[in-house]
Amino acid sequence: KQVEGLSIEELEKLVKENPVDGLSNIGICMDTGHANVPRGVISFYETIKSTGKLWDMHLHDNNGDEDSHLPIGQGNVPFLGLFRKLEKDNYQGFASIELDTWCRTQMEKQERIQGLDFLRQLTI
């Protein structure tokens, strides 16, 4: 299996066996937008969860064709399916909402509010 140029074995070795400057607590942050482009968020999550080192997620949306950093709910990232899997797998990490990014620096306040409302309305 490939994850952004690394096999799952290489990724696992990187985060488990190769501490950076003596730090052993190096984990993985999954970006839903990046994950949605190459293969889809659910498939990407299923691949990296086996490392046991998935500690954080950056949440934003896109249509699967490019990492356009759309507000949550305006693309096709399957947040409901992802959150159901996270709940089933007892995910204990964090989830951070990306609001302003290099490719979209002027997200309107209303778009942010709509994204949060979209997440609040999901029934897991």
PDB file of N, CA and C in Angstrom:
ATOM      1  N   LYS A   1       0.845  -1.181   0.000  1.00  0.00           N
ATOM      2  CA  LYS A   1       0.000   0.000   0.000  1.00  0.00           C
ATOM      3  C   LYS A   1       0.882   1.233   0.000  1.00  0.00           C
ATOM      4  N   GLN A   2       0.468   2.253  -0.711  1.00  0.00           N
ATOM      5  CA  GLN A   2       1.232   3.497  -0.781  1.00  0.00           C
ATOM      6  C   GLN A   2       0.463   4.623  -0.087  1.00  0.00           C
ATOM      7  N   VAL A   3       1.168   5.434   0.681  1.00  0.00           N
ATOM      8  CA  VAL A   3       0.613   6.617   1.314  1.00  0.00           C
ATOM      9  C   VAL A   3       1.528   7.768   0.978  1.00  0.00           C
ATOM     10  N   GLU A   4       1.111   8.637   0.033  1.00  0.00           N
ATOM     11  CA  GLU A   4       1.896   9.802  -0.344  1.00  0.00           C
ATOM     12  C   GLU A   4       3.369   9.468  -0.566  1.00  0.00           C
ATOM     13  N   GLY A   5       3.644   8.437  -1.318  1.00  0.00           N
ATOM     14  CA  GLY A   5       5.011   8.100  -1.664  1.00  0.00           C
ATOM     15  C   GLY A   5       5.691   7.145  -0.707  1.00  0.00           C
ATOM     16  N   LEU A   6       5.087   6.875   0.435  1.00  0.00           N
ATOM     17  CA  LEU A   6       5.649   5.924   1.387  1.00  0.00           C
ATOM     18  C   LEU A   6       4.758   4.695   1.447  1.00  0.00           C
ATOM     19  N   SER A   7       5.382   3.528   1.586  1.00  0.00           N
ATOM     20  CA  SER A   7       4.569   2.345   1.844  1.00  0.00           C
ATOM     21  C   SER A   7       4.136   2.408   3.300  1.00  0.00           C
ATOM     22  N   ILE A   8       3.104   1.660   3.653  1.00  0.00           N
ATOM     23  CA  ILE A   8       2.643   1.655   5.034  1.00  0.00           C
ATOM     24  C   ILE A   8       3.750   1.171   5.963  1.00  0.00           C
ATOM     25  N   GLU A   9       4.561   0.256   5.481  1.00  0.00           N
ATOM     26  CA  GLU A   9       5.676  -0.244   6.293  1.00  0.00           C
ATOM     27  C   GLU A   9       6.708   0.860   6.544  1.00  0.00           C
ATOM     28  N   GLU A  10       7.006   1.654   5.495  1.00  0.00           N
ATOM     29  CA  GLU A  10       7.961   2.756   5.646  1.00  0.00           C
ATOM     30  C   GLU A  10       7.421   3.831   6.578  1.00  0.00           C
ATOM     31  N   LEU A  11       6.129   4.132   6.451  1.00  0.00           N
ATOM     32  CA  LEU A  11       5.508   5.122   7.315  1.00  0.00           C
ATOM     33  C   LEU A  11       5.534   4.654   8.773  1.00  0.00           C
ATOM     34  N   GLU A  12       5.190   3.392   8.987  1.00  0.00           N
ATOM     35  CA  GLU A  12       5.196   2.837  10.330  1.00  0.00           C
ATOM     36  C   GLU A  12       6.599   2.888  10.928  1.00  0.00           C
ATOM     37  N   LYS A  13       7.606   2.520  10.147  1.00  0.00           N
ATOM     38  CA  LYS A  13       8.993   2.566  10.623  1.00  0.00           C
ATOM     39  C   LYS A  13       9.394   4.004  10.943  1.00  0.00           C
ATOM     40  N   LEU A  14       8.981   4.929  10.085  1.00  0.00           N
ATOM     41  CA  LEU A  14       9.317   6.327  10.287  1.00  0.00           C
ATOM     42  C   LEU A  14       8.792   6.849  11.617  1.00  0.00           C
ATOM     43  N   VAL A  15       7.539   6.557  11.942  1.00  0.00           N
ATOM     44  CA  VAL A  15       6.958   7.109  13.164  1.00  0.00           C
ATOM     45  C   VAL A  15       7.219   6.270  14.409  1.00  0.00           C
ATOM     46  N   LYS A  16       7.552   5.014  14.251  1.00  0.00           N
ATOM     47  CA  LYS A  16       7.775   4.170  15.419  1.00  0.00           C
ATOM     48  C   LYS A  16       9.241   3.957  15.758  1.00  0.00           C
ATOM     49  N   GLU A  17      10.081   3.849  14.754  1.00  0.00           N
ATOM     50  CA  GLU A  17      11.455   3.441  14.996  1.00  0.00           C
ATOM     51  C   GLU A  17      12.487   4.542  14.799  1.00  0.00           C
ATOM     52  N   ASN A  18      12.099   5.663  14.256  1.00  0.00           N
ATOM     53  CA  ASN A  18      13.057   6.720  13.970  1.00  0.00           C
ATOM     54  C   ASN A  18      12.674   8.025  14.658  1.00  0.00           C
ATOM     55  N   PRO A  19      12.892   8.119  15.973  1.00  0.00           N
ATOM     56  CA  PRO A  19      12.565   9.368  16.652  1.00  0.00           C
ATOM     57  C   PRO A  19      13.410  10.518  16.106  1.00  0.00           C
ATOM     58  N   VAL A  20      12.828  11.691  16.092  1.00  0.00           N
ATOM     59  CA  VAL A  20      13.508  12.881  15.603  1.00  0.00           C
ATOM     60  C   VAL A  20      14.158  13.593  16.780  1.00  0.00           C
ATOM     61  N   ASP A  21      15.483  13.779  16.716  1.00  0.00           N
ATOM     62  CA  ASP A  21      16.215  14.469  17.776  1.00  0.00           C
ATOM     63  C   ASP A  21      15.834  13.964  19.159  1.00  0.00           C
ATOM     64  N   GLY A  22      15.709  12.665  19.309  1.00  0.00           N
ATOM     65  CA  GLY A  22      15.414  12.071  20.603  1.00  0.00           C
ATOM     66  C   GLY A  22      13.943  12.078  20.991  1.00  0.00           C
ATOM     67  N   LEU A  23      13.075  12.579  20.124  1.00  0.00           N
ATOM     68  CA  LEU A  23      11.645  12.594  20.432  1.00  0.00           C
ATOM     69  C   LEU A  23      10.997  11.305  19.948  1.00  0.00           C
ATOM     70  N   SER A  24      10.414  10.576  20.853  1.00  0.00           N
ATOM     71  CA  SER A  24       9.773   9.324  20.448  1.00  0.00           C
ATOM     72  C   SER A  24       8.281   9.505  20.203  1.00  0.00           C
ATOM     73  N   ASN A  25       7.727  10.637  20.572  1.00  0.00           N
ATOM     74  CA  ASN A  25       6.297  10.864  20.399  1.00  0.00           C
ATOM     75  C   ASN A  25       6.000  11.580  19.093  1.00  0.00           C
ATOM     76  N   ILE A  26       6.370  10.973  17.994  1.00  0.00           N
ATOM     77  CA  ILE A  26       6.067  11.510  16.677  1.00  0.00           C
ATOM     78  C   ILE A  26       4.890  10.714  16.110  1.00  0.00           C
ATOM     79  N   GLY A  27       3.833  11.422  15.743  1.00  0.00           N
ATOM     80  CA  GLY A  27       2.655  10.755  15.223  1.00  0.00           C
ATOM     81  C   GLY A  27       2.285  11.280  13.847  1.00  0.00           C
ATOM     82  N   ILE A  28       1.124  10.876  13.383  1.00  0.00           N
ATOM     83  CA  ILE A  28       0.648  11.214  12.049  1.00  0.00           C
ATOM     84  C   ILE A  28      -0.551  12.145  12.166  1.00  0.00           C
ATOM     85  N   CYS A  29      -0.570  13.162  11.324  1.00  0.00           N
ATOM     86  CA  CYS A  29      -1.728  14.044  11.182  1.00  0.00           C
ATOM     87  C   CYS A  29      -2.305  13.784   9.794  1.00  0.00           C
ATOM     88  N   MET A  30      -3.527  13.310   9.750  1.00  0.00           N
ATOM     89  CA  MET A  30      -4.186  13.052   8.470  1.00  0.00           C
ATOM     90  C   MET A  30      -4.951  14.296   8.054  1.00  0.00           C
ATOM     91  N   ASP A  31      -4.729  14.744   6.851  1.00  0.00           N
ATOM     92  CA  ASP A  31      -5.409  15.904   6.293  1.00  0.00           C
ATOM     93  C   ASP A  31      -6.500  15.387   5.367  1.00  0.00           C
ATOM     94  N   THR A  32      -7.767  15.677   5.685  1.00  0.00           N
ATOM     95  CA  THR A  32      -8.871  15.102   4.905  1.00  0.00           C
ATOM     96  C   THR A  32      -8.852  15.556   3.454  1.00  0.00           C
ATOM     97  N   GLY A  33      -8.436  16.785   3.211  1.00  0.00           N
ATOM     98  CA  GLY A  33      -8.370  17.272   1.836  1.00  0.00           C
ATOM     99  C   GLY A  33      -7.295  16.579   1.037  1.00  0.00           C
ATOM    100  N   HIS A  34      -6.113  16.427   1.634  1.00  0.00           N
ATOM    101  CA  HIS A  34      -5.024  15.740   0.947  1.00  0.00           C
ATOM    102  C   HIS A  34      -5.389  14.277   0.729  1.00  0.00           C
ATOM    103  N   ALA A  35      -6.002  13.667   1.728  1.00  0.00           N
ATOM    104  CA  ALA A  35      -6.361  12.251   1.629  1.00  0.00           C
ATOM    105  C   ALA A  35      -7.434  12.014   0.570  1.00  0.00           C
ATOM    106  N   ASN A  36      -8.308  12.977   0.364  1.00  0.00           N
ATOM    107  CA  ASN A  36      -9.407  12.810  -0.576  1.00  0.00           C
ATOM    108  C   ASN A  36      -8.957  12.839  -2.032  1.00  0.00           C
ATOM    109  N   VAL A  37      -7.832  13.467  -2.305  1.00  0.00           N
ATOM    110  CA  VAL A  37      -7.388  13.611  -3.691  1.00  0.00           C
ATOM    111  C   VAL A  37      -6.791  12.330  -4.270  1.00  0.00           C
ATOM    112  N   PRO A  38      -5.829  11.681  -3.598  1.00  0.00           N
ATOM    113  CA  PRO A  38      -5.231  10.534  -4.284  1.00  0.00           C
ATOM    114  C   PRO A  38      -6.094   9.291  -4.324  1.00  0.00           C
ATOM    115  N   ARG A  39      -6.875   9.038  -3.277  1.00  0.00           N
ATOM    116  CA  ARG A  39      -7.598   7.768  -3.259  1.00  0.00           C
ATOM    117  C   ARG A  39      -8.907   7.802  -2.504  1.00  0.00           C
ATOM    118  N   GLY A  40      -9.171   8.823  -1.740  1.00  0.00           N
ATOM    119  CA  GLY A  40     -10.379   8.912  -0.932  1.00  0.00           C
ATOM    120  C   GLY A  40     -10.048   8.816   0.544  1.00  0.00           C
ATOM    121  N   VAL A  41     -10.780   9.559   1.337  1.00  0.00           N
ATOM    122  CA  VAL A  41     -10.501   9.690   2.765  1.00  0.00           C
ATOM    123  C   VAL A  41     -10.613   8.359   3.503  1.00  0.00           C
ATOM    124  N   ILE A  42     -11.652   7.602   3.252  1.00  0.00           N
ATOM    125  CA  ILE A  42     -11.867   6.356   3.998  1.00  0.00           C
ATOM    126  C   ILE A  42     -10.735   5.370   3.715  1.00  0.00           C
ATOM    127  N   SER A  43     -10.381   5.201   2.466  1.00  0.00           N
ATOM    128  CA  SER A  43      -9.293   4.302   2.099  1.00  0.00           C
ATOM    129  C   SER A  43      -7.973   4.748   2.730  1.00  0.00           C
ATOM    130  N   PHE A  44      -7.706   6.050   2.679  1.00  0.00           N
ATOM    131  CA  PHE A  44      -6.488   6.595   3.260  1.00  0.00           C
ATOM    132  C   PHE A  44      -6.465   6.330   4.762  1.00  0.00           C
ATOM    133  N   TYR A  45      -7.580   6.600   5.441  1.00  0.00           N
ATOM    134  CA  TYR A  45      -7.670   6.350   6.878  1.00  0.00           C
ATOM    135  C   TYR A  45      -7.440   4.875   7.194  1.00  0.00           C
ATOM    136  N   GLU A  46      -8.081   3.994   6.457  1.00  0.00           N
ATOM    137  CA  GLU A  46      -7.921   2.554   6.701  1.00  0.00           C
ATOM    138  C   GLU A  46      -6.460   2.131   6.568  1.00  0.00           C
ATOM    139  N   THR A  47      -5.742   2.767   5.663  1.00  0.00           N
ATOM    140  CA  THR A  47      -4.336   2.425   5.462  1.00  0.00           C
ATOM    141  C   THR A  47      -3.464   2.888   6.628  1.00  0.00           C
ATOM    142  N   ILE A  48      -3.643   4.125   7.061  1.00  0.00           N
ATOM    143  CA  ILE A  48      -2.723   4.639   8.083  1.00  0.00           C
ATOM    144  C   ILE A  48      -3.119   4.299   9.519  1.00  0.00           C
ATOM    145  N   LYS A  49      -4.358   3.905   9.754  1.00  0.00           N
ATOM    146  CA  LYS A  49      -4.752   3.613  11.135  1.00  0.00           C
ATOM    147  C   LYS A  49      -3.975   2.422  11.702  1.00  0.00           C
ATOM    148  N   SER A  50      -3.511   1.532  10.839  1.00  0.00           N
ATOM    149  CA  SER A  50      -2.786   0.354  11.314  1.00  0.00           C
ATOM    150  C   SER A  50      -1.451   0.696  11.955  1.00  0.00           C
ATOM    151  N   THR A  51      -0.960   1.915  11.741  1.00  0.00           N
ATOM    152  CA  THR A  51       0.299   2.312  12.391  1.00  0.00           C
ATOM    153  C   THR A  51       0.116   2.528  13.887  1.00  0.00           C
ATOM    154  N   GLY A  52      -1.116   2.806  14.303  1.00  0.00           N
ATOM    155  CA  GLY A  52      -1.357   3.119  15.702  1.00  0.00           C
ATOM    156  C   GLY A  52      -0.844   4.500  16.091  1.00  0.00           C
ATOM    157  N   LYS A  53      -0.448   5.287  15.118  1.00  0.00           N
ATOM    158  CA  LYS A  53       0.158   6.586  15.402  1.00  0.00           C
ATOM    159  C   LYS A  53      -0.640   7.758  14.815  1.00  0.00           C
ATOM    160  N   LEU A  54      -1.902   7.524  14.480  1.00  0.00           N
ATOM    161  CA  LEU A  54      -2.743   8.599  13.966  1.00  0.00           C
ATOM    162  C   LEU A  54      -3.251   9.393  15.163  1.00  0.00           C
ATOM    163  N   TRP A  55      -2.744  10.608  15.317  1.00  0.00           N
ATOM    164  CA  TRP A  55      -3.038  11.402  16.507  1.00  0.00           C
ATOM    165  C   TRP A  55      -3.830  12.666  16.226  1.00  0.00           C
ATOM    166  N   ASP A  56      -3.906  13.079  14.976  1.00  0.00           N
ATOM    167  CA  ASP A  56      -4.556  14.345  14.678  1.00  0.00           C
ATOM    168  C   ASP A  56      -5.107  14.314  13.259  1.00  0.00           C
ATOM    169  N   MET A  57      -6.097  15.149  13.010  1.00  0.00           N
ATOM    170  CA  MET A  57      -6.659  15.303  11.671  1.00  0.00           C
ATOM    171  C   MET A  57      -6.899  16.777  11.408  1.00  0.00           C
ATOM    172  N   HIS A  58      -6.634  17.181  10.186  1.00  0.00           N
ATOM    173  CA  HIS A  58      -6.997  18.510   9.716  1.00  0.00           C
ATOM    174  C   HIS A  58      -8.225  18.331   8.838  1.00  0.00           C
ATOM    175  N   LEU A  59      -9.291  19.009   9.185  1.00  0.00           N
ATOM    176  CA  LEU A  59     -10.546  18.849   8.464  1.00  0.00           C
ATOM    177  C   LEU A  59     -10.799  20.019   7.519  1.00  0.00           C
ATOM    178  N   HIS A  60     -10.939  19.717   6.275  1.00  0.00           N
ATOM    179  CA  HIS A  60     -11.436  20.653   5.278  1.00  0.00           C
ATOM    180  C   HIS A  60     -11.955  19.833   4.117  1.00  0.00           C
ATOM    181  N   ASP A  61     -12.536  20.480   3.153  1.00  0.00           N
ATOM    182  CA  ASP A  61     -13.268  19.775   2.102  1.00  0.00           C
ATOM    183  C   ASP A  61     -12.687  20.062   0.722  1.00  0.00           C
ATOM    184  N   ASN A  62     -13.017  19.225  -0.229  1.00  0.00           N
ATOM    185  CA  ASN A  62     -12.729  19.435  -1.651  1.00  0.00           C
ATOM    186  C   ASN A  62     -13.593  18.464  -2.447  1.00  0.00           C
ATOM    187  N   ASN A  63     -13.448  18.483  -3.753  1.00  0.00           N
ATOM    188  CA  ASN A  63     -14.234  17.591  -4.615  1.00  0.00           C
ATOM    189  C   ASN A  63     -13.450  16.380  -5.113  1.00  0.00           C
ATOM    190  N   GLY A  64     -12.298  16.125  -4.536  1.00  0.00           N
ATOM    191  CA  GLY A  64     -11.513  14.954  -4.901  1.00  0.00           C
ATOM    192  C   GLY A  64     -10.605  15.144  -6.086  1.00  0.00           C
ATOM    193  N   ASP A  65     -10.690  16.295  -6.744  1.00  0.00           N
ATOM    194  CA  ASP A  65      -9.862  16.527  -7.928  1.00  0.00           C
ATOM    195  C   ASP A  65      -8.608  17.327  -7.610  1.00  0.00           C
ATOM    196  N   GLU A  66      -8.665  18.194  -6.610  1.00  0.00           N
ATOM    197  CA  GLU A  66      -7.516  18.962  -6.160  1.00  0.00           C
ATOM    198  C   GLU A  66      -7.761  19.391  -4.721  1.00  0.00           C
ATOM    199  N   ASP A  67      -6.703  19.718  -4.034  1.00  0.00           N
ATOM    200  CA  ASP A  67      -6.814  20.108  -2.629  1.00  0.00           C
ATOM    201  C   ASP A  67      -7.181  21.583  -2.546  1.00  0.00           C
ATOM    202  N   SER A  68      -8.446  21.891  -2.777  1.00  0.00           N
ATOM    203  CA  SER A  68      -8.905  23.267  -2.909  1.00  0.00           C
ATOM    204  C   SER A  68      -9.300  23.935  -1.589  1.00  0.00           C
ATOM    205  N   HIS A  69      -9.235  23.209  -0.489  1.00  0.00           N
ATOM    206  CA  HIS A  69      -9.534  23.760   0.840  1.00  0.00           C
ATOM    207  C   HIS A  69     -10.888  24.458   0.879  1.00  0.00           C
ATOM    208  N   LEU A  70     -11.902  23.747   0.448  1.00  0.00           N
ATOM    209  CA  LEU A  70     -13.260  24.286   0.527  1.00  0.00           C
ATOM    210  C   LEU A  70     -13.740  24.240   1.974  1.00  0.00           C
ATOM    211  N   PRO A  71     -14.689  25.098   2.305  1.00  0.00           N
ATOM    212  CA  PRO A  71     -15.295  24.992   3.627  1.00  0.00           C
ATOM    213  C   PRO A  71     -15.955  23.616   3.789  1.00  0.00           C
ATOM    214  N   ILE A  72     -15.974  23.128   4.993  1.00  0.00           N
ATOM    215  CA  ILE A  72     -16.563  21.820   5.283  1.00  0.00           C
ATOM    216  C   ILE A  72     -18.023  21.808   4.844  1.00  0.00           C
ATOM    217  N   GLY A  73     -18.395  20.763   4.116  1.00  0.00           N
ATOM    218  CA  GLY A  73     -19.759  20.608   3.622  1.00  0.00           C
ATOM    219  C   GLY A  73     -19.955  21.092   2.203  1.00  0.00           C
ATOM    220  N   GLN A  74     -18.919  21.697   1.598  1.00  0.00           N
ATOM    221  CA  GLN A  74     -19.058  22.203   0.240  1.00  0.00           C
ATOM    222  C   GLN A  74     -18.342  21.332  -0.790  1.00  0.00           C
ATOM    223  N   GLY A  75     -17.843  20.193  -0.380  1.00  0.00           N
ATOM    224  CA  GLY A  75     -17.176  19.275  -1.293  1.00  0.00           C
ATOM    225  C   GLY A  75     -17.745  17.881  -1.115  1.00  0.00           C
ATOM    226  N   ASN A  76     -16.939  16.863  -1.436  1.00  0.00           N
ATOM    227  CA  ASN A  76     -17.436  15.487  -1.325  1.00  0.00           C
ATOM    228  C   ASN A  76     -16.665  14.625  -0.326  1.00  0.00           C
ATOM    229  N   VAL A  77     -15.918  15.242   0.584  1.00  0.00           N
ATOM    230  CA  VAL A  77     -15.264  14.461   1.642  1.00  0.00           C
ATOM    231  C   VAL A  77     -16.373  13.823   2.483  1.00  0.00           C
ATOM    232  N   PRO A  78     -16.343  12.500   2.638  1.00  0.00           N
ATOM    233  CA  PRO A  78     -17.415  11.805   3.359  1.00  0.00           C
ATOM    234  C   PRO A  78     -17.234  11.888   4.882  1.00  0.00           C
ATOM    235  N   PHE A  79     -17.482  13.074   5.442  1.00  0.00           N
ATOM    236  CA  PHE A  79     -17.249  13.277   6.874  1.00  0.00           C
ATOM    237  C   PHE A  79     -18.077  12.328   7.731  1.00  0.00           C
ATOM    238  N   LEU A  80     -19.328  12.094   7.371  1.00  0.00           N
ATOM    239  CA  LEU A  80     -20.163  11.193   8.160  1.00  0.00           C
ATOM    240  C   LEU A  80     -19.559   9.791   8.199  1.00  0.00           C
ATOM    241  N   GLY A  81     -19.180   9.254   7.042  1.00  0.00           N
ATOM    242  CA  GLY A  81     -18.563   7.929   7.006  1.00  0.00           C
ATOM    243  C   GLY A  81     -17.255   7.887   7.778  1.00  0.00           C
ATOM    244  N   LEU A  82     -16.450   8.930   7.645  1.00  0.00           N
ATOM    245  CA  LEU A  82     -15.186   8.993   8.375  1.00  0.00           C
ATOM    246  C   LEU A  82     -15.431   9.027   9.874  1.00  0.00           C
ATOM    247  N   PHE A  83     -16.338   9.888  10.333  1.00  0.00           N
ATOM    248  CA  PHE A  83     -16.597   9.996  11.766  1.00  0.00           C
ATOM    249  C   PHE A  83     -17.180   8.707  12.332  1.00  0.00           C
ATOM    250  N   ARG A  84     -17.997   8.014  11.532  1.00  0.00           N
ATOM    251  CA  ARG A  84     -18.516   6.718  12.007  1.00  0.00           C
ATOM    252  C   ARG A  84     -17.380   5.714  12.194  1.00  0.00           C
ATOM    253  N   LYS A  85     -16.432   5.706  11.255  1.00  0.00           N
ATOM    254  CA  LYS A  85     -15.275   4.808  11.391  1.00  0.00           C
ATOM    255  C   LYS A  85     -14.432   5.201  12.595  1.00  0.00           C
ATOM    256  N   LEU A  86     -14.227   6.491  12.791  1.00  0.00           N
ATOM    257  CA  LEU A  86     -13.440   6.954  13.940  1.00  0.00           C
ATOM    258  C   LEU A  86     -14.093   6.536  15.249  1.00  0.00           C
ATOM    259  N   GLU A  87     -15.409   6.670  15.312  1.00  0.00           N
ATOM    260  CA  GLU A  87     -16.119   6.257  16.530  1.00  0.00           C
ATOM    261  C   GLU A  87     -16.001   4.745  16.738  1.00  0.00           C
ATOM    262  N   LYS A  88     -16.209   3.993  15.681  1.00  0.00           N
ATOM    263  CA  LYS A  88     -16.108   2.528  15.767  1.00  0.00           C
ATOM    264  C   LYS A  88     -14.711   2.100  16.210  1.00  0.00           C
ATOM    265  N   ASP A  89     -13.689   2.803  15.717  1.00  0.00           N
ATOM    266  CA  ASP A  89     -12.302   2.465  16.048  1.00  0.00           C
ATOM    267  C   ASP A  89     -11.825   3.119  17.344  1.00  0.00           C
ATOM    268  N   ASN A  90     -12.731   3.832  18.028  1.00  0.00           N
ATOM    269  CA  ASN A  90     -12.413   4.502  19.278  1.00  0.00           C
ATOM    270  C   ASN A  90     -11.240   5.474  19.134  1.00  0.00           C
ATOM    271  N   TYR A  91     -11.278   6.261  18.075  1.00  0.00           N
ATOM    272  CA  TYR A  91     -10.241   7.263  17.827  1.00  0.00           C
ATOM    273  C   TYR A  91     -10.193   8.239  18.986  1.00  0.00           C
ATOM    274  N   GLN A  92      -9.016   8.450  19.547  1.00  0.00           N
ATOM    275  CA  GLN A  92      -8.833   9.324  20.703  1.00  0.00           C
ATOM    276  C   GLN A  92      -8.027  10.575  20.380  1.00  0.00           C
ATOM    277  N   GLY A  93      -7.713  10.777  19.105  1.00  0.00           N
ATOM    278  CA  GLY A  93      -6.908  11.926  18.720  1.00  0.00           C
ATOM    279  C   GLY A  93      -7.737  13.188  18.573  1.00  0.00           C
ATOM    280  N   PHE A  94      -7.123  14.162  17.988  1.00  0.00           N
ATOM    281  CA  PHE A  94      -7.739  15.465  17.793  1.00  0.00           C
ATOM    282  C   PHE A  94      -8.235  15.625  16.357  1.00  0.00           C
ATOM    283  N   ALA A  95      -9.096  16.598  16.155  1.00  0.00           N
ATOM    284  CA  ALA A  95      -9.533  16.991  14.823  1.00  0.00           C
ATOM    285  C   ALA A  95      -9.554  18.513  14.801  1.00  0.00           C
ATOM    286  N   SER A  96      -8.774  19.088  13.910  1.00  0.00           N
ATOM    287  CA  SER A  96      -8.662  20.535  13.796  1.00  0.00           C
ATOM    288  C   SER A  96      -9.304  20.983  12.495  1.00  0.00           C
ATOM    289  N   ILE A  97     -10.084  22.041  12.555  1.00  0.00           N
ATOM    290  CA  ILE A  97     -10.724  22.570  11.360  1.00  0.00           C
ATOM    291  C   ILE A  97      -9.798  23.590  10.720  1.00  0.00           C
ATOM    292  N   GLU A  98      -9.461  23.379   9.453  1.00  0.00           N
ATOM    293  CA  GLU A  98      -8.640  24.342   8.725  1.00  0.00           C
ATOM    294  C   GLU A  98      -9.539  25.456   8.221  1.00  0.00           C
ATOM    295  N   LEU A  99      -9.206  26.659   8.595  1.00  0.00           N
ATOM    296  CA  LEU A  99     -10.039  27.796   8.214  1.00  0.00           C
ATOM    297  C   LEU A  99      -9.425  28.615   7.102  1.00  0.00           C
ATOM    298  N   ASP A 100      -8.247  29.114   7.304  1.00  0.00           N
ATOM    299  CA  ASP A 100      -7.553  29.898   6.286  1.00  0.00           C
ATOM    300  C   ASP A 100      -6.267  29.171   5.938  1.00  0.00           C
ATOM    301  N   THR A 101      -6.011  29.010   4.663  1.00  0.00           N
ATOM    302  CA  THR A 101      -4.826  28.283   4.234  1.00  0.00           C
ATOM    303  C   THR A 101      -4.139  29.050   3.122  1.00  0.00           C
ATOM    304  N   TRP A 102      -2.979  28.592   2.727  1.00  0.00           N
ATOM    305  CA  TRP A 102      -2.196  29.269   1.692  1.00  0.00           C
ATOM    306  C   TRP A 102      -2.955  29.422   0.388  1.00  0.00           C
ATOM    307  N   CYS A 103      -3.816  28.452   0.060  1.00  0.00           N
ATOM    308  CA  CYS A 103      -4.501  28.517  -1.231  1.00  0.00           C
ATOM    309  C   CYS A 103      -5.853  29.216  -1.145  1.00  0.00           C
ATOM    310  N   ARG A 104      -6.285  29.497   0.045  1.00  0.00           N
ATOM    311  CA  ARG A 104      -7.587  30.150   0.200  1.00  0.00           C
ATOM    312  C   ARG A 104      -7.563  30.972   1.482  1.00  0.00           C
ATOM    313  N   THR A 105      -6.977  32.140   1.410  1.00  0.00           N
ATOM    314  CA  THR A 105      -6.714  32.927   2.616  1.00  0.00           C
ATOM    315  C   THR A 105      -7.885  33.772   3.085  1.00  0.00           C
ATOM    316  N   GLN A 106      -8.922  33.853   2.314  1.00  0.00           N
ATOM    317  CA  GLN A 106     -10.026  34.733   2.688  1.00  0.00           C
ATOM    318  C   GLN A 106     -11.351  33.989   2.836  1.00  0.00           C
ATOM    319  N   MET A 107     -11.371  32.930   3.633  1.00  0.00           N
ATOM    320  CA  MET A 107     -12.624  32.232   3.869  1.00  0.00           C
ATOM    321  C   MET A 107     -13.536  33.157   4.678  1.00  0.00           C
ATOM    322  N   GLU A 108     -14.730  33.333   4.213  1.00  0.00           N
ATOM    323  CA  GLU A 108     -15.669  34.234   4.870  1.00  0.00           C
ATOM    324  C   GLU A 108     -16.136  33.654   6.204  1.00  0.00           C
ATOM    325  N   LYS A 109     -16.445  34.535   7.145  1.00  0.00           N
ATOM    326  CA  LYS A 109     -16.924  34.121   8.458  1.00  0.00           C
ATOM    327  C   LYS A 109     -18.146  33.214   8.325  1.00  0.00           C
ATOM    328  N   GLN A 110     -19.053  33.556   7.424  1.00  0.00           N
ATOM    329  CA  GLN A 110     -20.261  32.755   7.247  1.00  0.00           C
ATOM    330  C   GLN A 110     -19.927  31.347   6.756  1.00  0.00           C
ATOM    331  N   GLU A 111     -18.905  31.213   5.912  1.00  0.00           N
ATOM    332  CA  GLU A 111     -18.486  29.883   5.447  1.00  0.00           C
ATOM    333  C   GLU A 111     -17.958  29.044   6.609  1.00  0.00           C
ATOM    334  N   ARG A 112     -17.242  29.680   7.514  1.00  0.00           N
ATOM    335  CA  ARG A 112     -16.732  28.970   8.699  1.00  0.00           C
ATOM    336  C   ARG A 112     -17.894  28.485   9.563  1.00  0.00           C
ATOM    337  N   ILE A 113     -18.857  29.367   9.776  1.00  0.00           N
ATOM    338  CA  ILE A 113     -20.023  29.016  10.594  1.00  0.00           C
ATOM    339  C   ILE A 113     -20.804  27.883   9.941  1.00  0.00           C
ATOM    340  N   GLN A 114     -21.006  27.950   8.628  1.00  0.00           N
ATOM    341  CA  GLN A 114     -21.730  26.893   7.917  1.00  0.00           C
ATOM    342  C   GLN A 114     -20.998  25.560   8.020  1.00  0.00           C
ATOM    343  N   GLY A 115     -19.664  25.578   7.962  1.00  0.00           N
ATOM    344  CA  GLY A 115     -18.880  24.359   8.110  1.00  0.00           C
ATOM    345  C   GLY A 115     -19.053  23.735   9.480  1.00  0.00           C
ATOM    346  N   LEU A 116     -19.013  24.567  10.512  1.00  0.00           N
ATOM    347  CA  LEU A 116     -19.230  24.058  11.873  1.00  0.00           C
ATOM    348  C   LEU A 116     -20.646  23.511  12.029  1.00  0.00           C
ATOM    349  N   ASP A 117     -21.629  24.227  11.479  1.00  0.00           N
ATOM    350  CA  ASP A 117     -23.009  23.741  11.533  1.00  0.00           C
ATOM    351  C   ASP A 117     -23.161  22.405  10.816  1.00  0.00           C
ATOM    352  N   PHE A 118     -22.495  22.266   9.680  1.00  0.00           N
ATOM    353  CA  PHE A 118     -22.533  21.007   8.925  1.00  0.00           C
ATOM    354  C   PHE A 118     -22.030  19.866   9.801  1.00  0.00           C
ATOM    355  N   LEU A 119     -20.917  20.069  10.484  1.00  0.00           N
ATOM    356  CA  LEU A 119     -20.373  19.028  11.362  1.00  0.00           C
ATOM    357  C   LEU A 119     -21.301  18.737  12.531  1.00  0.00           C
ATOM    358  N   ARG A 120     -21.886  19.769  13.115  1.00  0.00           N
ATOM    359  CA  ARG A 120     -22.789  19.582  14.263  1.00  0.00           C
ATOM    360  C   ARG A 120     -24.024  18.778  13.871  1.00  0.00           C
ATOM    361  N   GLN A 121     -24.460  18.880  12.618  1.00  0.00           N
ATOM    362  CA  GLN A 121     -25.690  18.220  12.182  1.00  0.00           C
ATOM    363  C   GLN A 121     -25.474  16.760  11.774  1.00  0.00           C
ATOM    364  N   LEU A 122     -24.222  16.329  11.694  1.00  0.00           N
ATOM    365  CA  LEU A 122     -23.969  14.925  11.341  1.00  0.00           C
ATOM    366  C   LEU A 122     -24.465  14.029  12.468  1.00  0.00           C
ATOM    367  N   THR A 123     -25.129  12.959  12.106  1.00  0.00           N
ATOM    368  CA  THR A 123     -25.611  11.989  13.097  1.00  0.00           C
ATOM    369  C   THR A 123     -24.765  10.732  12.957  1.00  0.00           C
ATOM    370  N   ILE A 124     -23.948  10.519  13.959  1.00  0.00           N
ATOM    371  CA  ILE A 124     -23.010   9.391  13.887  1.00  0.00           C
ATOM    372  C   ILE A 124     -23.650   8.121  14.356  1.00  0.00           C
TER     373      ILE A 124
END
